Amino acid sequence: DQCIEKVEPIKSEVQWNIDFFNSKFRQWEKLGTQSHECGAVGHAVYAAHQASIYDNLSDQCLW
């Protein structure tokens, strides 16, 4: 029982991080799409790179 009490808050924190990283991924992905549509190719590439970073961070949180 004591282990479960200690694990549950950790699971909650991990889920919070996953949600945060996914939110940042979506923000950067949207910025990349908008930049691409405006013809700002450099901005679109940077945004895609940032989105990739947050996507990878989210993947690393899964257990």
C-alpha atoms as a PDB file:
ATOM      1  CA  ASP A   1       0.000   0.000   0.000  1.00  0.00           C
ATOM      2  CA  GLN A   2       2.806   2.385   0.833  1.00  0.00           C
ATOM      3  CA  CYS A   3       4.406   1.841  -2.578  1.00  0.00           C
ATOM      4  CA  ILE A   4       1.128   2.632  -4.316  1.00  0.00           C
ATOM      5  CA  GLU A   5       0.845   5.861  -2.308  1.00  0.00           C
ATOM      6  CA  LYS A   6       4.286   6.893  -3.543  1.00  0.00           C
ATOM      7  CA  VAL A   7       3.797   5.817  -7.150  1.00  0.00           C
ATOM      8  CA  GLU A   8       0.476   7.567  -7.786  1.00  0.00           C
ATOM      9  CA  PRO A   9       1.815  11.142  -7.386  1.00  0.00           C
ATOM     10  CA  ILE A  10       4.724  10.258  -9.671  1.00  0.00           C
ATOM     11  CA  LYS A  11       2.341   8.930 -12.322  1.00  0.00           C
ATOM     12  CA  SER A  12       0.362  12.154 -12.039  1.00  0.00           C
ATOM     13  CA  GLU A  13       3.494  14.270 -12.504  1.00  0.00           C
ATOM     14  CA  VAL A  14       4.596  12.205 -15.488  1.00  0.00           C
ATOM     15  CA  GLN A  15       1.160  12.635 -17.079  1.00  0.00           C
ATOM     16  CA  TRP A  16       1.323  16.396 -16.449  1.00  0.00           C
ATOM     17  CA  ASN A  17       4.671  16.498 -18.288  1.00  0.00           C
ATOM     18  CA  ILE A  18       3.319  14.440 -21.182  1.00  0.00           C
ATOM     19  CA  ASP A  19       0.349  16.799 -21.496  1.00  0.00           C
ATOM     20  CA  PHE A  20       2.658  19.835 -21.352  1.00  0.00           C
ATOM     21  CA  PHE A  21       5.013  18.464 -24.015  1.00  0.00           C
ATOM     22  CA  ASN A  22       2.075  17.526 -26.259  1.00  0.00           C
ATOM     23  CA  SER A  23       0.649  21.032 -25.857  1.00  0.00           C
ATOM     24  CA  LYS A  24       3.986  22.594 -26.847  1.00  0.00           C
ATOM     25  CA  PHE A  25       4.256  20.171 -29.780  1.00  0.00           C
ATOM     26  CA  ARG A  26       0.838  21.283 -31.064  1.00  0.00           C
ATOM     27  CA  GLN A  27       1.740  24.971 -30.615  1.00  0.00           C
ATOM     28  CA  TRP A  28       4.961  24.635 -32.599  1.00  0.00           C
ATOM     29  CA  GLU A  29       3.277  22.499 -35.231  1.00  0.00           C
ATOM     30  CA  LYS A  30       0.602  25.178 -35.691  1.00  0.00           C
ATOM     31  CA  LEU A  31       3.225  27.928 -35.891  1.00  0.00           C
ATOM     32  CA  GLY A  32       5.098  25.896 -38.487  1.00  0.00           C
ATOM     33  CA  THR A  33       1.995  25.471 -40.610  1.00  0.00           C
ATOM     34  CA  GLN A  34       1.186  29.179 -40.377  1.00  0.00           C
ATOM     35  CA  SER A  35       4.762  30.139 -41.236  1.00  0.00           C
ATOM     36  CA  HIS A  36       4.800  27.795 -44.212  1.00  0.00           C
ATOM     37  CA  GLU A  37       1.525  29.269 -45.497  1.00  0.00           C
ATOM     38  CA  CYS A  38       3.009  32.774 -45.235  1.00  0.00           C
ATOM     39  CA  GLY A  39       6.105  31.726 -47.153  1.00  0.00           C
ATOM     40  CA  ALA A  40       8.408  32.055 -44.143  1.00  0.00           C
ATOM     41  CA  VAL A  41      10.300  28.854 -44.864  1.00  0.00           C
ATOM     42  CA  GLY A  42      13.030  29.453 -42.275  1.00  0.00           C
ATOM     43  CA  HIS A  43      10.470  29.991 -39.550  1.00  0.00           C
ATOM     44  CA  ALA A  44       8.597  26.876 -40.643  1.00  0.00           C
ATOM     45  CA  VAL A  45      11.773  24.774 -40.466  1.00  0.00           C
ATOM     46  CA  TYR A  46      12.609  26.130 -37.009  1.00  0.00           C
ATOM     47  CA  ALA A  47       9.072  25.453 -35.791  1.00  0.00           C
ATOM     48  CA  ALA A  48       9.212  21.900 -37.157  1.00  0.00           C
ATOM     49  CA  HIS A  49      12.470  21.334 -35.280  1.00  0.00           C
ATOM     50  CA  GLN A  50      10.965  22.653 -32.041  1.00  0.00           C
ATOM     51  CA  ALA A  51       7.867  20.497 -32.521  1.00  0.00           C
ATOM     52  CA  SER A  52      10.113  17.479 -33.002  1.00  0.00           C
ATOM     53  CA  ILE A  53      11.928  18.202 -29.749  1.00  0.00           C
ATOM     54  CA  TYR A  54       8.689  18.320 -27.757  1.00  0.00           C
ATOM     55  CA  ASP A  55       7.368  15.222 -29.501  1.00  0.00           C
ATOM     56  CA  ASN A  56      10.537  13.343 -28.535  1.00  0.00           C
ATOM     57  CA  LEU A  57      10.327  14.583 -24.945  1.00  0.00           C
ATOM     58  CA  SER A  58       6.751  13.345 -24.729  1.00  0.00           C
ATOM     59  CA  ASP A  59       7.768   9.939 -26.094  1.00  0.00           C
ATOM     60  CA  GLN A  60      10.513   9.649 -23.485  1.00  0.00           C
ATOM     61  CA  CYS A  61       7.983  10.161 -20.678  1.00  0.00           C
ATOM     62  CA  LEU A  62       5.985   7.076 -21.628  1.00  0.00           C
ATOM     63  CA  TRP A  63       6.625   3.978 -19.594  1.00  0.00           C
END
